[in-house]
PDB file of N, CA and C in Angstrom:
ATOM      1  N   MET A   1       0.995  -1.044   0.038  1.00  0.00           N
ATOM      2  CA  MET A   1       0.039   0.053   0.041  1.00  0.00           C
ATOM      3  C   MET A   1       0.953   1.278  -0.057  1.00  0.00           C
ATOM      4  N   ALA A   2       0.361   2.091  -0.886  1.00  0.00           N
ATOM      5  CA  ALA A   2       1.272   3.422  -0.947  1.00  0.00           C
ATOM      6  C   ALA A   2       1.187   4.365   0.137  1.00  0.00           C
ATOM      7  N   GLU A   3       1.924   5.200   0.385  1.00  0.00           N
ATOM      8  CA  GLU A   3       1.735   6.101   1.886  1.00  0.00           C
ATOM      9  C   GLU A   3       1.131   7.426   1.198  1.00  0.00           C
ATOM     10  N   ALA A   4       0.337   7.992   1.949  1.00  0.00           N
ATOM     11  CA  ALA A   4      -0.479   9.101   1.708  1.00  0.00           C
ATOM     12  C   ALA A   4       0.393  10.479   1.552  1.00  0.00           C
ATOM     13  N   HIS A   5       0.326  11.419   0.826  1.00  0.00           N
ATOM     14  CA  HIS A   5       1.136  12.709   0.813  1.00  0.00           C
ATOM     15  C   HIS A   5       0.962  13.229   2.133  1.00  0.00           C
ATOM     16  N   ILE A   6       2.250  13.833   2.617  1.00  0.00           N
ATOM     17  CA  ILE A   6       2.033  14.696   3.840  1.00  0.00           C
ATOM     18  C   ILE A   6       1.427  15.860   3.417  1.00  0.00           C
ATOM     19  N   ALA A   7       0.484  16.218   3.979  1.00  0.00           N
ATOM     20  CA  ALA A   7       0.051  17.799   3.603  1.00  0.00           C
ATOM     21  C   ALA A   7       0.655  18.779   4.329  1.00  0.00           C
ATOM     22  N   GLN A   8       0.831  18.522   5.665  1.00  0.00           N
ATOM     23  CA  GLN A   8       1.726  19.301   6.449  1.00  0.00           C
ATOM     24  C   GLN A   8       2.210  18.343   7.821  1.00  0.00           C
ATOM     25  N   LYS A   9       3.143  18.871   8.261  1.00  0.00           N
ATOM     26  CA  LYS A   9       3.922  18.074   9.467  1.00  0.00           C
ATOM     27  C   LYS A   9       3.310  18.461  10.924  1.00  0.00           C
ATOM     28  N   SER A  10       2.229  18.994  10.771  1.00  0.00           N
ATOM     29  CA  SER A  10       1.406  19.480  12.238  1.00  0.00           C
ATOM     30  C   SER A  10       0.096  19.244  12.028  1.00  0.00           C
ATOM     31  N   PRO A  11      -0.691  19.181  12.915  1.00  0.00           N
ATOM     32  CA  PRO A  11      -2.301  19.068  12.971  1.00  0.00           C
ATOM     33  C   PRO A  11      -2.838  20.425  12.630  1.00  0.00           C
ATOM     34  N   TYR A  12      -4.007  20.145  11.915  1.00  0.00           N
ATOM     35  CA  TYR A  12      -4.835  21.364  11.596  1.00  0.00           C
ATOM     36  C   TYR A  12      -5.929  21.368  12.768  1.00  0.00           C
ATOM     37  N   ALA A  13      -5.770  22.809  13.598  1.00  0.00           N
ATOM     38  CA  ALA A  13      -6.673  23.065  14.511  1.00  0.00           C
ATOM     39  C   ALA A  13      -7.828  23.792  14.021  1.00  0.00           C
ATOM     40  N   VAL A  14      -8.975  23.035  14.240  1.00  0.00           N
ATOM     41  CA  VAL A  14     -10.200  23.566  13.601  1.00  0.00           C
ATOM     42  C   VAL A  14     -11.442  23.717  14.380  1.00  0.00           C
ATOM     43  N   GLU A  15     -12.248  24.755  14.362  1.00  0.00           N
ATOM     44  CA  GLU A  15     -13.452  24.755  14.925  1.00  0.00           C
ATOM     45  C   GLU A  15     -14.549  24.281  14.373  1.00  0.00           C
ATOM     46  N   LEU A  16     -15.091  23.222  14.688  1.00  0.00           N
ATOM     47  CA  LEU A  16     -16.228  22.564  13.899  1.00  0.00           C
ATOM     48  C   LEU A  16     -17.490  22.840  14.683  1.00  0.00           C
ATOM     49  N   ALA A  17     -18.474  22.972  13.938  1.00  0.00           N
ATOM     50  CA  ALA A  17     -19.988  22.851  14.317  1.00  0.00           C
ATOM     51  C   ALA A  17     -20.309  21.526  14.093  1.00  0.00           C
ATOM     52  N   PRO A  18     -21.311  21.104  15.004  1.00  0.00           N
ATOM     53  CA  PRO A  18     -22.021  19.655  14.822  1.00  0.00           C
ATOM     54  C   PRO A  18     -22.337  19.510  13.574  1.00  0.00           C
ATOM     55  N   GLY A  19     -22.061  18.121  13.250  1.00  0.00           N
ATOM     56  CA  GLY A  19     -22.261  17.829  11.559  1.00  0.00           C
ATOM     57  C   GLY A  19     -21.380  16.643  11.288  1.00  0.00           C
ATOM     58  N   ASP A  20     -21.484  16.092   9.962  1.00  0.00           N
ATOM     59  CA  ASP A  20     -20.739  15.307   9.312  1.00  0.00           C
ATOM     60  C   ASP A  20     -19.693  15.742   8.714  1.00  0.00           C
ATOM     61  N   TYR A  21     -18.570  15.212   8.605  1.00  0.00           N
ATOM     62  CA  TYR A  21     -17.327  15.569   8.030  1.00  0.00           C
ATOM     63  C   TYR A  21     -16.564  14.580   7.338  1.00  0.00           C
ATOM     64  N   ARG A  22     -15.794  14.781   6.377  1.00  0.00           N
ATOM     65  CA  ARG A  22     -14.764  13.936   5.758  1.00  0.00           C
ATOM     66  C   ARG A  22     -13.456  14.206   5.731  1.00  0.00           C
ATOM     67  N   TRP A  23     -12.797  13.687   6.218  1.00  0.00           N
ATOM     68  CA  TRP A  23     -11.360  14.043   6.504  1.00  0.00           C
ATOM     69  C   TRP A  23     -10.371  13.496   5.159  1.00  0.00           C
ATOM     70  N   CYS A  24      -9.465  14.193   4.568  1.00  0.00           N
ATOM     71  CA  CYS A  24      -8.697  13.861   3.280  1.00  0.00           C
ATOM     72  C   CYS A  24      -7.601  12.667   4.314  1.00  0.00           C
ATOM     73  N   ARG A  25      -7.756  11.656   3.261  1.00  0.00           N
ATOM     74  CA  ARG A  25      -6.688  10.676   3.969  1.00  0.00           C
ATOM     75  C   ARG A  25      -5.524  10.551   2.895  1.00  0.00           C
ATOM     76  N   CYS A  26      -5.823  11.002   1.668  1.00  0.00           N
ATOM     77  CA  CYS A  26      -4.664  10.654   0.627  1.00  0.00           C
ATOM     78  C   CYS A  26      -3.732  11.871   0.643  1.00  0.00           C
ATOM     79  N   GLY A  27      -3.993  13.154   1.395  1.00  0.00           N
ATOM     80  CA  GLY A  27      -2.974  14.159   1.452  1.00  0.00           C
ATOM     81  C   GLY A  27      -3.056  14.991   0.263  1.00  0.00           C
ATOM     82  N   GLY A  28      -3.912  14.894  -0.825  1.00  0.00           N
ATOM     83  CA  GLY A  28      -3.758  15.745  -1.971  1.00  0.00           C
ATOM     84  C   GLY A  28      -5.110  16.653  -1.917  1.00  0.00           C
ATOM     85  N   SER A  29      -6.038  16.793  -1.041  1.00  0.00           N
ATOM     86  CA  SER A  29      -7.068  17.734  -1.052  1.00  0.00           C
ATOM     87  C   SER A  29      -6.572  19.091  -1.339  1.00  0.00           C
ATOM     88  N   LYS A  30      -7.113  20.162  -1.808  1.00  0.00           N
ATOM     89  CA  LYS A  30      -6.942  21.639  -1.801  1.00  0.00           C
ATOM     90  C   LYS A  30      -7.785  22.224  -0.615  1.00  0.00           C
ATOM     91  N   THR A  31      -8.670  21.459  -0.159  1.00  0.00           N
ATOM     92  CA  THR A  31      -9.305  22.076   0.866  1.00  0.00           C
ATOM     93  C   THR A  31      -8.874  21.182   2.365  1.00  0.00           C
ATOM     94  N   GLN A  32      -7.544  21.084   2.840  1.00  0.00           N
ATOM     95  CA  GLN A  32      -7.306  20.390   3.828  1.00  0.00           C
ATOM     96  C   GLN A  32      -7.624  21.069   4.967  1.00  0.00           C
ATOM     97  N   PRO A  33      -8.020  20.221   5.937  1.00  0.00           N
ATOM     98  CA  PRO A  33      -7.898  18.865   6.286  1.00  0.00           C
ATOM     99  C   PRO A  33      -8.933  18.015   5.666  1.00  0.00           C
ATOM    100  N   PHE A  34      -9.950  18.555   5.012  1.00  0.00           N
ATOM    101  CA  PHE A  34     -11.145  17.966   4.343  1.00  0.00           C
ATOM    102  C   PHE A  34     -11.064  17.426   3.119  1.00  0.00           C
ATOM    103  N   CYS A  35     -11.752  16.417   2.619  1.00  0.00           N
ATOM    104  CA  CYS A  35     -11.818  15.903   1.251  1.00  0.00           C
ATOM    105  C   CYS A  35     -12.384  16.642   0.065  1.00  0.00           C
ATOM    106  N   ASP A  36     -11.779  16.802  -0.878  1.00  0.00           N
ATOM    107  CA  ASP A  36     -12.426  17.421  -1.984  1.00  0.00           C
ATOM    108  C   ASP A  36     -12.659  16.554  -3.096  1.00  0.00           C
ATOM    109  N   GLY A  37     -12.324  15.360  -2.910  1.00  0.00           N
ATOM    110  CA  GLY A  37     -12.396  14.318  -4.023  1.00  0.00           C
ATOM    111  C   GLY A  37     -11.120  13.970  -4.715  1.00  0.00           C
ATOM    112  N   SER A  38     -10.027  14.584  -4.397  1.00  0.00           N
ATOM    113  CA  SER A  38      -8.778  14.415  -5.063  1.00  0.00           C
ATOM    114  C   SER A  38      -8.433  12.935  -5.063  1.00  0.00           C
ATOM    115  N   HIS A  39      -8.879  12.058  -4.245  1.00  0.00           N
ATOM    116  CA  HIS A  39      -8.455  10.718  -3.977  1.00  0.00           C
ATOM    117  C   HIS A  39      -8.893   9.957  -5.081  1.00  0.00           C
ATOM    118  N   LYS A  40      -9.824  10.450  -5.857  1.00  0.00           N
ATOM    119  CA  LYS A  40     -10.395   9.506  -6.882  1.00  0.00           C
ATOM    120  C   LYS A  40      -9.247   8.683  -7.740  1.00  0.00           C
ATOM    121  N   THR A  41      -8.095   9.279  -7.949  1.00  0.00           N
ATOM    122  CA  THR A  41      -7.026   8.633  -8.834  1.00  0.00           C
ATOM    123  C   THR A  41      -6.128   8.019  -7.704  1.00  0.00           C
ATOM    124  N   THR A  42      -6.443   7.540  -6.375  1.00  0.00           N
ATOM    125  CA  THR A  42      -5.559   6.883  -5.635  1.00  0.00           C
ATOM    126  C   THR A  42      -6.366   5.508  -4.913  1.00  0.00           C
ATOM    127  N   GLU A  43      -5.629   4.983  -4.162  1.00  0.00           N
ATOM    128  CA  GLU A  43      -6.074   3.834  -3.496  1.00  0.00           C
ATOM    129  C   GLU A  43      -6.862   4.232  -2.238  1.00  0.00           C
ATOM    130  N   PHE A  44      -6.783   5.605  -1.971  1.00  0.00           N
ATOM    131  CA  PHE A  44      -7.200   6.001  -0.514  1.00  0.00           C
ATOM    132  C   PHE A  44      -8.648   6.605  -0.518  1.00  0.00           C
ATOM    133  N   THR A  45      -9.492   6.462   0.301  1.00  0.00           N
ATOM    134  CA  THR A  45     -10.661   6.840   0.789  1.00  0.00           C
ATOM    135  C   THR A  45     -10.743   7.673   1.821  1.00  0.00           C
ATOM    136  N   PRO A  46     -11.744   8.894   1.804  1.00  0.00           N
ATOM    137  CA  PRO A  46     -11.782   9.833   3.039  1.00  0.00           C
ATOM    138  C   PRO A  46     -12.331   9.159   4.184  1.00  0.00           C
ATOM    139  N   VAL A  47     -12.168   9.602   5.431  1.00  0.00           N
ATOM    140  CA  VAL A  47     -12.699   9.213   6.693  1.00  0.00           C
ATOM    141  C   VAL A  47     -13.645   9.965   7.048  1.00  0.00           C
ATOM    142  N   ALA A  48     -14.994   9.464   7.119  1.00  0.00           N
ATOM    143  CA  ALA A  48     -16.211  10.284   7.568  1.00  0.00           C
ATOM    144  C   ALA A  48     -16.269  10.127   9.113  1.00  0.00           C
ATOM    145  N   PHE A  49     -16.413  11.296   9.737  1.00  0.00           N
ATOM    146  CA  PHE A  49     -16.696  11.405  11.171  1.00  0.00           C
ATOM    147  C   PHE A  49     -17.759  12.504  11.320  1.00  0.00           C
ATOM    148  N   THR A  50     -18.178  12.374  12.600  1.00  0.00           N
ATOM    149  CA  THR A  50     -19.227  13.245  13.014  1.00  0.00           C
ATOM    150  C   THR A  50     -18.991  13.997  14.272  1.00  0.00           C
ATOM    151  N   ILE A  51     -19.163  15.191  14.288  1.00  0.00           N
ATOM    152  CA  ILE A  51     -18.978  16.151  15.451  1.00  0.00           C
ATOM    153  C   ILE A  51     -20.385  16.118  16.241  1.00  0.00           C
ATOM    154  N   SER A  52     -20.578  16.071  17.335  1.00  0.00           N
ATOM    155  CA  SER A  52     -21.906  16.038  18.060  1.00  0.00           C
ATOM    156  C   SER A  52     -22.058  17.382  18.573  1.00  0.00           C
ATOM    157  N   LYS A  53     -21.099  18.296  19.185  1.00  0.00           N
ATOM    158  CA  LYS A  53     -21.142  19.599  19.575  1.00  0.00           C
ATOM    159  C   LYS A  53     -19.993  20.473  19.068  1.00  0.00           C
ATOM    160  N   ALA A  54     -20.316  21.636  19.074  1.00  0.00           N
ATOM    161  CA  ALA A  54     -19.362  22.750  18.523  1.00  0.00           C
ATOM    162  C   ALA A  54     -18.148  22.629  19.289  1.00  0.00           C
ATOM    163  N   GLU A  55     -16.870  22.368  18.796  1.00  0.00           N
ATOM    164  CA  GLU A  55     -15.757  22.014  19.554  1.00  0.00           C
ATOM    165  C   GLU A  55     -14.284  22.307  18.599  1.00  0.00           C
ATOM    166  N   LYS A  56     -13.487  22.583  19.307  1.00  0.00           N
ATOM    167  CA  LYS A  56     -12.019  22.784  18.681  1.00  0.00           C
ATOM    168  C   LYS A  56     -11.500  21.141  18.586  1.00  0.00           C
ATOM    169  N   VAL A  57     -10.926  20.768  17.403  1.00  0.00           N
ATOM    170  CA  VAL A  57     -10.344  19.537  17.231  1.00  0.00           C
ATOM    171  C   VAL A  57      -9.066  19.704  16.531  1.00  0.00           C
ATOM    172  N   TRP A  58      -8.138  18.781  16.779  1.00  0.00           N
ATOM    173  CA  TRP A  58      -6.712  18.715  15.840  1.00  0.00           C
ATOM    174  C   TRP A  58      -7.032  17.660  14.759  1.00  0.00           C
ATOM    175  N   LEU A  59      -7.041  17.932  13.658  1.00  0.00           N
ATOM    176  CA  LEU A  59      -6.919  16.950  12.652  1.00  0.00           C
ATOM    177  C   LEU A  59      -5.664  16.529  12.071  1.00  0.00           C
ATOM    178  N   CYS A  60      -5.325  15.413  11.909  1.00  0.00           N
ATOM    179  CA  CYS A  60      -4.059  15.001  11.399  1.00  0.00           C
ATOM    180  C   CYS A  60      -3.606  15.796  10.148  1.00  0.00           C
ATOM    181  N   GLY A  61      -2.723  16.281  10.074  1.00  0.00           N
ATOM    182  CA  GLY A  61      -2.086  16.861   8.667  1.00  0.00           C
ATOM    183  C   GLY A  61      -1.094  15.824   8.018  1.00  0.00           C
ATOM    184  N   CYS A  62      -0.422  15.113   8.779  1.00  0.00           N
ATOM    185  CA  CYS A  62       0.845  14.280   8.029  1.00  0.00           C
ATOM    186  C   CYS A  62      -0.061  12.989   7.591  1.00  0.00           C
ATOM    187  N   LYS A  63      -1.233  12.588   7.876  1.00  0.00           N
ATOM    188  CA  LYS A  63      -1.932  11.368   7.346  1.00  0.00           C
ATOM    189  C   LYS A  63      -1.464  10.223   7.588  1.00  0.00           C
ATOM    190  N   ARG A  64      -0.590  10.174   8.888  1.00  0.00           N
ATOM    191  CA  ARG A  64       0.084   8.946   9.471  1.00  0.00           C
ATOM    192  C   ARG A  64      -0.582   8.482  10.968  1.00  0.00           C
ATOM    193  N   THR A  65      -1.548   9.344  11.242  1.00  0.00           N
ATOM    194  CA  THR A  65      -2.096   8.880  12.672  1.00  0.00           C
ATOM    195  C   THR A  65      -2.707   7.368  12.492  1.00  0.00           C
ATOM    196  N   ARG A  66      -2.773   7.027  13.790  1.00  0.00           N
ATOM    197  CA  ARG A  66      -3.551   5.595  14.115  1.00  0.00           C
ATOM    198  C   ARG A  66      -4.721   6.123  14.761  1.00  0.00           C
ATOM    199  N   ASN A  67      -5.323   7.382  14.936  1.00  0.00           N
ATOM    200  CA  ASN A  67      -6.392   7.647  15.532  1.00  0.00           C
ATOM    201  C   ASN A  67      -7.181   8.606  14.457  1.00  0.00           C
ATOM    202  N   ARG A  68      -7.551   8.075  13.444  1.00  0.00           N
ATOM    203  CA  ARG A  68      -8.124   8.924  12.200  1.00  0.00           C
ATOM    204  C   ARG A  68      -9.344   9.330  12.759  1.00  0.00           C
ATOM    205  N   PRO A  69      -9.694  10.550  12.443  1.00  0.00           N
ATOM    206  CA  PRO A  69      -9.028  11.484  11.654  1.00  0.00           C
ATOM    207  C   PRO A  69      -8.108  12.438  12.646  1.00  0.00           C
ATOM    208  N   PHE A  70      -8.045  12.144  13.947  1.00  0.00           N
ATOM    209  CA  PHE A  70      -7.578  12.962  14.811  1.00  0.00           C
ATOM    210  C   PHE A  70      -5.816  12.797  15.001  1.00  0.00           C
ATOM    211  N   CYS A  71      -5.157  14.004  15.441  1.00  0.00           N
ATOM    212  CA  CYS A  71      -3.666  13.651  15.597  1.00  0.00           C
ATOM    213  C   CYS A  71      -3.393  12.833  16.653  1.00  0.00           C
ATOM    214  N   ASP A  72      -2.484  12.252  16.443  1.00  0.00           N
ATOM    215  CA  ASP A  72      -1.845  11.232  17.837  1.00  0.00           C
ATOM    216  C   ASP A  72      -0.423  11.527  18.015  1.00  0.00           C
ATOM    217  N   GLY A  73       0.142  12.701  17.368  1.00  0.00           N
ATOM    218  CA  GLY A  73       1.375  13.009  17.456  1.00  0.00           C
ATOM    219  C   GLY A  73       2.364  12.399  16.828  1.00  0.00           C
ATOM    220  N   THR A  74       1.772  11.548  15.755  1.00  0.00           N
ATOM    221  CA  THR A  74       2.887  10.636  15.050  1.00  0.00           C
ATOM    222  C   THR A  74       3.836  11.662  14.054  1.00  0.00           C
ATOM    223  N   HIS A  75       3.262  12.793  13.755  1.00  0.00           N
ATOM    224  CA  HIS A  75       3.947  13.933  13.020  1.00  0.00           C
ATOM    225  C   HIS A  75       5.237  14.121  13.627  1.00  0.00           C
ATOM    226  N   ARG A  76       5.471  14.175  14.848  1.00  0.00           N
ATOM    227  CA  ARG A  76       6.663  14.128  15.615  1.00  0.00           C
ATOM    228  C   ARG A  76       7.783  13.178  15.494  1.00  0.00           C
ATOM    229  N   THR A  77       7.403  12.067  14.949  1.00  0.00           N
ATOM    230  CA  THR A  77       8.474  10.970  14.644  1.00  0.00           C
ATOM    231  C   THR A  77       8.767  10.808  13.292  1.00  0.00           C
ATOM    232  N   LEU A  78       8.432  11.859  12.252  1.00  0.00           N
ATOM    233  CA  LEU A  78       8.700  11.997  10.893  1.00  0.00           C
ATOM    234  C   LEU A  78      10.036  12.461  10.752  1.00  0.00           C
ATOM    235  N   SER A  79      10.829  11.771   9.825  1.00  0.00           N
ATOM    236  CA  SER A  79      12.105  12.396   9.363  1.00  0.00           C
ATOM    237  C   SER A  79      11.885  13.767   8.753  1.00  0.00           C
ATOM    238  N   GLU A  80      13.060  14.350   8.384  1.00  0.00           N
ATOM    239  CA  GLU A  80      13.048  15.649   7.633  1.00  0.00           C
ATOM    240  C   GLU A  80      12.677  15.468   6.316  1.00  0.00           C
ATOM    241  N   ARG A  81      12.853  14.311   5.727  1.00  0.00           N
ATOM    242  CA  ARG A  81      12.874  13.856   4.249  1.00  0.00           C
ATOM    243  C   ARG A  81      11.456  13.494   4.119  1.00  0.00           C
ATOM    244  N   SER A  82      10.668  13.224   5.003  1.00  0.00           N
ATOM    245  CA  SER A  82       9.359  12.709   4.795  1.00  0.00           C
ATOM    246  C   SER A  82       8.285  13.845   4.128  1.00  0.00           C
TER     247      SER A  82
END
């Protein structure tokens, strides 16, 4: 399996209203950290998630988190060349 493109090496801090969202997993979206359909030419699919109350969340920018779509700190382990 190919690795996703790293959109940025830090999380996206976003204030979200209650609702349904799709987090970009391929790293190619122009509307990071959300999906814009760029994955259609890749093996990746977006991750759907729901926010039940208005809150600030940190969404993964490096696309390597094990807690999709939320940042788990994996970006801190990436090499400079990643």
